[in-house]
Amino acid sequence: MSKFKTFQLLFIIAFVFQTINVQAQMGLAVDKNNNGSSIKYAFETGSDVNDAIAKAVKVLEEQDAKNIFKLKSTEKTGHELREGHYVLILSSRKMSGKFFLSYGLGASKDSKEDAIKKAIVHLKEWDWGYENDFGYKIEKEGKIEDLFPAEEE
């Protein structure tokens, strides 16, 4: 086999391997009520963060959600990671006598604790009134790799 054909074959194999492993990004969207409180969420995966968010929006649209927000992060919150730990947190509090819910999604290659820190950063990007004293609970967590089961042969 010529060097050129070997190079072509290696390029094709690398491209196919990269394409198979691309679907490893996470996205979050929420439906909010008139008070700005999240009333339901959709957490999805996709070929990139935008694809994952689009899938999350579609899930909410299929549930007749009317006030959908795409919770795309502007910070390094790990939504683009392909391995590690992810955490979806939920914060709740009373605000002006009304119940208020908000979500944050974080992921880390290093640890669950780091994923939680990133989830809090994400939550604060969308809930400007959130303070650490409000606390949070873990709504969903796991290994990122488990979101993308290996293809069966």
C-alpha atoms as a PDB file:
ATOM      1  CA  MET A   1       0.000   0.000   0.000  1.00  0.00           C
ATOM      2  CA  SER A   2       1.358   3.420  -0.889  1.00  0.00           C
ATOM      3  CA  LYS A   3       2.090   6.027   1.783  1.00  0.00           C
ATOM      4  CA  PHE A   4      -0.698   8.210   0.361  1.00  0.00           C
ATOM      5  CA  LYS A   5      -3.291   5.436   0.650  1.00  0.00           C
ATOM      6  CA  THR A   6      -2.094   4.626   4.178  1.00  0.00           C
ATOM      7  CA  PHE A   7      -2.470   8.300   5.103  1.00  0.00           C
ATOM      8  CA  GLN A   8      -5.967   8.391   3.571  1.00  0.00           C
ATOM      9  CA  LEU A   9      -6.981   5.274   5.489  1.00  0.00           C
ATOM     10  CA  LEU A  10      -5.668   6.669   8.782  1.00  0.00           C
ATOM     11  CA  PHE A  11      -7.492   9.951   8.148  1.00  0.00           C
ATOM     12  CA  ILE A  12     -10.777   8.122   7.473  1.00  0.00           C
ATOM     13  CA  ILE A  13     -10.387   5.970  10.592  1.00  0.00           C
ATOM     14  CA  ALA A  14      -9.624   9.045  12.722  1.00  0.00           C
ATOM     15  CA  PHE A  15     -12.634  10.899  11.269  1.00  0.00           C
ATOM     16  CA  VAL A  16     -14.995   7.969  11.885  1.00  0.00           C
ATOM     17  CA  PHE A  17     -13.692   7.503  15.455  1.00  0.00           C
ATOM     18  CA  GLN A  18     -14.119  11.221  16.173  1.00  0.00           C
ATOM     19  CA  THR A  19     -17.633  11.211  14.700  1.00  0.00           C
ATOM     20  CA  ILE A  20     -18.651   8.219  16.835  1.00  0.00           C
ATOM     21  CA  ASN A  21     -17.404   9.908  20.006  1.00  0.00           C
ATOM     22  CA  VAL A  22     -18.805  13.352  19.240  1.00  0.00           C
ATOM     23  CA  GLN A  23     -22.204  12.768  20.827  1.00  0.00           C
ATOM     24  CA  ALA A  24     -21.087  13.611  24.318  1.00  0.00           C
ATOM     25  CA  GLN A  25     -22.386  17.040  25.172  1.00  0.00           C
ATOM     26  CA  MET A  26     -25.125  18.068  27.576  1.00  0.00           C
ATOM     27  CA  GLY A  27     -27.849  20.680  27.361  1.00  0.00           C
ATOM     28  CA  LEU A  28     -30.510  22.015  29.693  1.00  0.00           C
ATOM     29  CA  ALA A  29     -33.713  23.935  29.007  1.00  0.00           C
ATOM     30  CA  VAL A  30     -36.463  24.967  31.398  1.00  0.00           C
ATOM     31  CA  ASP A  31     -40.056  26.098  31.179  1.00  0.00           C
ATOM     32  CA  LYS A  32     -40.665  29.103  33.419  1.00  0.00           C
ATOM     33  CA  ASN A  33     -43.878  30.503  34.831  1.00  0.00           C
ATOM     34  CA  ASN A  34     -44.840  34.208  34.963  1.00  0.00           C
ATOM     35  CA  ASN A  35     -42.780  34.681  38.152  1.00  0.00           C
ATOM     36  CA  GLY A  36     -39.609  33.436  36.430  1.00  0.00           C
ATOM     37  CA  SER A  37     -39.586  30.198  38.399  1.00  0.00           C
ATOM     38  CA  SER A  38     -38.656  27.015  36.551  1.00  0.00           C
ATOM     39  CA  ILE A  39     -41.636  24.692  36.503  1.00  0.00           C
ATOM     40  CA  LYS A  40     -40.079  21.839  34.524  1.00  0.00           C
ATOM     41  CA  TYR A  41     -36.791  21.012  32.875  1.00  0.00           C
ATOM     42  CA  ALA A  42     -35.375  18.883  30.085  1.00  0.00           C
ATOM     43  CA  PHE A  43     -31.819  17.544  30.244  1.00  0.00           C
ATOM     44  CA  GLU A  44     -30.575  16.082  26.964  1.00  0.00           C
ATOM     45  CA  THR A  45     -27.398  15.064  25.156  1.00  0.00           C
ATOM     46  CA  GLY A  46     -26.333  15.741  21.606  1.00  0.00           C
ATOM     47  CA  SER A  47     -23.538  15.971  19.081  1.00  0.00           C
ATOM     48  CA  ASP A  48     -22.589  19.357  20.547  1.00  0.00           C
ATOM     49  CA  VAL A  49     -23.950  21.653  23.240  1.00  0.00           C
ATOM     50  CA  ASN A  50     -26.269  23.473  20.814  1.00  0.00           C
ATOM     51  CA  ASP A  51     -27.687  20.171  19.555  1.00  0.00           C
ATOM     52  CA  ALA A  52     -28.246  18.990  23.137  1.00  0.00           C
ATOM     53  CA  ILE A  53     -30.047  22.226  24.010  1.00  0.00           C
ATOM     54  CA  ALA A  54     -32.170  22.000  20.856  1.00  0.00           C
ATOM     55  CA  LYS A  55     -33.209  18.482  21.875  1.00  0.00           C
ATOM     56  CA  ALA A  56     -34.075  19.709  25.378  1.00  0.00           C
ATOM     57  CA  VAL A  57     -36.200  22.512  23.914  1.00  0.00           C
ATOM     58  CA  LYS A  58     -37.992  20.002  21.669  1.00  0.00           C
ATOM     59  CA  VAL A  59     -38.818  17.815  24.688  1.00  0.00           C
ATOM     60  CA  LEU A  60     -40.385  20.791  26.468  1.00  0.00           C
ATOM     61  CA  GLU A  61     -42.260  21.866  23.331  1.00  0.00           C
ATOM     62  CA  GLU A  62     -43.726  18.355  23.093  1.00  0.00           C
ATOM     63  CA  GLN A  63     -44.962  18.864  26.668  1.00  0.00           C
ATOM     64  CA  ASP A  64     -46.684  22.107  25.561  1.00  0.00           C
ATOM     65  CA  ALA A  65     -44.240  24.339  27.453  1.00  0.00           C
ATOM     66  CA  LYS A  66     -44.913  28.012  26.706  1.00  0.00           C
ATOM     67  CA  ASN A  67     -41.991  29.952  28.228  1.00  0.00           C
ATOM     68  CA  ILE A  68     -38.831  28.000  27.360  1.00  0.00           C
ATOM     69  CA  PHE A  69     -35.359  29.198  28.272  1.00  0.00           C
ATOM     70  CA  LYS A  70     -32.221  27.597  26.836  1.00  0.00           C
ATOM     71  CA  LEU A  71     -29.807  27.454  29.762  1.00  0.00           C
ATOM     72  CA  LYS A  72     -26.632  27.633  27.721  1.00  0.00           C
ATOM     73  CA  SER A  73     -23.630  28.455  29.856  1.00  0.00           C
ATOM     74  CA  THR A  74     -21.252  31.311  29.168  1.00  0.00           C
ATOM     75  CA  GLU A  75     -18.771  29.926  31.708  1.00  0.00           C
ATOM     76  CA  LYS A  76     -16.657  26.796  31.757  1.00  0.00           C
ATOM     77  CA  THR A  77     -19.253  24.616  33.434  1.00  0.00           C
ATOM     78  CA  GLY A  78     -18.293  21.349  31.742  1.00  0.00           C
ATOM     79  CA  HIS A  79     -21.306  20.934  29.474  1.00  0.00           C
ATOM     80  CA  GLU A  80     -18.946  19.997  26.635  1.00  0.00           C
ATOM     81  CA  LEU A  81     -17.079  17.210  28.486  1.00  0.00           C
ATOM     82  CA  ARG A  82     -17.040  13.647  27.217  1.00  0.00           C
ATOM     83  CA  GLU A  83     -16.096  11.986  30.489  1.00  0.00           C
ATOM     84  CA  GLY A  84     -16.220  12.664  34.183  1.00  0.00           C
ATOM     85  CA  HIS A  85     -19.026  13.407  36.601  1.00  0.00           C
ATOM     86  CA  TYR A  86     -22.142  15.533  35.982  1.00  0.00           C
ATOM     87  CA  VAL A  87     -24.579  17.026  38.482  1.00  0.00           C
ATOM     88  CA  LEU A  88     -27.939  18.729  37.947  1.00  0.00           C
ATOM     89  CA  ILE A  89     -28.884  20.790  40.996  1.00  0.00           C
ATOM     90  CA  LEU A  90     -32.178  22.349  42.027  1.00  0.00           C
ATOM     91  CA  SER A  91     -32.515  25.356  44.292  1.00  0.00           C
ATOM     92  CA  SER A  92     -35.836  26.370  45.827  1.00  0.00           C
ATOM     93  CA  ARG A  93     -36.838  29.343  47.948  1.00  0.00           C
ATOM     94  CA  LYS A  94     -39.723  31.662  48.692  1.00  0.00           C
ATOM     95  CA  MET A  95     -39.456  35.012  46.977  1.00  0.00           C
ATOM     96  CA  SER A  96     -42.025  37.733  47.637  1.00  0.00           C
ATOM     97  CA  GLY A  97     -44.279  35.081  49.127  1.00  0.00           C
ATOM     98  CA  LYS A  98     -44.029  32.853  46.021  1.00  0.00           C
ATOM     99  CA  PHE A  99     -42.151  29.618  45.570  1.00  0.00           C
ATOM    100  CA  PHE A 100     -39.138  29.924  43.208  1.00  0.00           C
ATOM    101  CA  LEU A 101     -37.159  27.087  41.569  1.00  0.00           C
ATOM    102  CA  SER A 102     -33.967  27.240  39.512  1.00  0.00           C
ATOM    103  CA  TYR A 103     -31.582  24.672  38.049  1.00  0.00           C
ATOM    104  CA  GLY A 104     -27.864  24.438  37.389  1.00  0.00           C
ATOM    105  CA  LEU A 105     -25.866  21.856  35.441  1.00  0.00           C
ATOM    106  CA  GLY A 106     -22.186  21.246  35.974  1.00  0.00           C
ATOM    107  CA  ALA A 107     -19.651  18.625  34.955  1.00  0.00           C
ATOM    108  CA  SER A 108     -16.056  17.921  35.793  1.00  0.00           C
ATOM    109  CA  LYS A 109     -13.346  15.483  34.781  1.00  0.00           C
ATOM    110  CA  ASP A 110     -11.951  15.740  38.302  1.00  0.00           C
ATOM    111  CA  SER A 111     -14.719  15.069  40.840  1.00  0.00           C
ATOM    112  CA  LYS A 112     -18.360  15.262  41.837  1.00  0.00           C
ATOM    113  CA  GLU A 113     -17.480  18.159  44.152  1.00  0.00           C
ATOM    114  CA  ASP A 114     -16.014  20.149  41.267  1.00  0.00           C
ATOM    115  CA  ALA A 115     -19.097  19.345  39.158  1.00  0.00           C
ATOM    116  CA  ILE A 116     -21.266  20.752  41.968  1.00  0.00           C
ATOM    117  CA  LYS A 117     -19.208  23.963  42.032  1.00  0.00           C
ATOM    118  CA  LYS A 118     -19.691  24.314  38.267  1.00  0.00           C
ATOM    119  CA  ALA A 119     -23.424  23.608  38.601  1.00  0.00           C
ATOM    120  CA  ILE A 120     -23.669  26.456  41.118  1.00  0.00           C
ATOM    121  CA  VAL A 121     -21.850  28.752  38.669  1.00  0.00           C
ATOM    122  CA  HIS A 122     -24.368  27.735  35.986  1.00  0.00           C
ATOM    123  CA  LEU A 123     -27.330  28.242  38.323  1.00  0.00           C
ATOM    124  CA  LYS A 124     -26.091  31.754  39.191  1.00  0.00           C
ATOM    125  CA  GLU A 125     -25.826  32.638  35.483  1.00  0.00           C
ATOM    126  CA  TRP A 126     -29.599  32.180  35.173  1.00  0.00           C
ATOM    127  CA  ASP A 127     -30.779  32.989  38.699  1.00  0.00           C
ATOM    128  CA  TRP A 128     -29.223  36.322  39.585  1.00  0.00           C
ATOM    129  CA  GLY A 129     -30.940  36.323  42.969  1.00  0.00           C
ATOM    130  CA  TYR A 130     -29.422  33.023  44.091  1.00  0.00           C
ATOM    131  CA  GLU A 131     -27.243  33.168  47.195  1.00  0.00           C
ATOM    132  CA  ASN A 132     -25.212  30.276  48.582  1.00  0.00           C
ATOM    133  CA  ASP A 133     -27.285  30.373  51.801  1.00  0.00           C
ATOM    134  CA  PHE A 134     -30.317  29.216  49.784  1.00  0.00           C
ATOM    135  CA  GLY A 135     -28.687  25.816  49.272  1.00  0.00           C
ATOM    136  CA  TYR A 136     -29.593  23.223  46.650  1.00  0.00           C
ATOM    137  CA  LYS A 137     -30.392  19.560  46.237  1.00  0.00           C
ATOM    138  CA  ILE A 138     -29.011  17.163  43.676  1.00  0.00           C
ATOM    139  CA  GLU A 139     -31.736  16.411  41.160  1.00  0.00           C
ATOM    140  CA  LYS A 140     -29.679  14.093  38.955  1.00  0.00           C
ATOM    141  CA  GLU A 141     -26.058  12.950  38.869  1.00  0.00           C
ATOM    142  CA  GLY A 142     -23.808  10.369  37.323  1.00  0.00           C
ATOM    143  CA  LYS A 143     -20.915   9.610  35.070  1.00  0.00           C
ATOM    144  CA  ILE A 144     -20.940  11.444  31.757  1.00  0.00           C
ATOM    145  CA  GLU A 145     -19.845   8.270  29.983  1.00  0.00           C
ATOM    146  CA  ASP A 146     -23.029   6.534  31.156  1.00  0.00           C
ATOM    147  CA  LEU A 147     -25.112   9.055  29.196  1.00  0.00           C
ATOM    148  CA  PHE A 148     -23.592   7.663  26.008  1.00  0.00           C
ATOM    149  CA  PRO A 149     -23.776   3.878  26.023  1.00  0.00           C
ATOM    150  CA  ALA A 150     -21.256   2.167  23.754  1.00  0.00           C
ATOM    151  CA  GLU A 151     -22.682   1.004  20.491  1.00  0.00           C
ATOM    152  CA  GLU A 152     -23.322  -2.717  20.414  1.00  0.00           C
ATOM    153  CA  GLU A 153     -21.498  -4.633  17.766  1.00  0.00           C
END
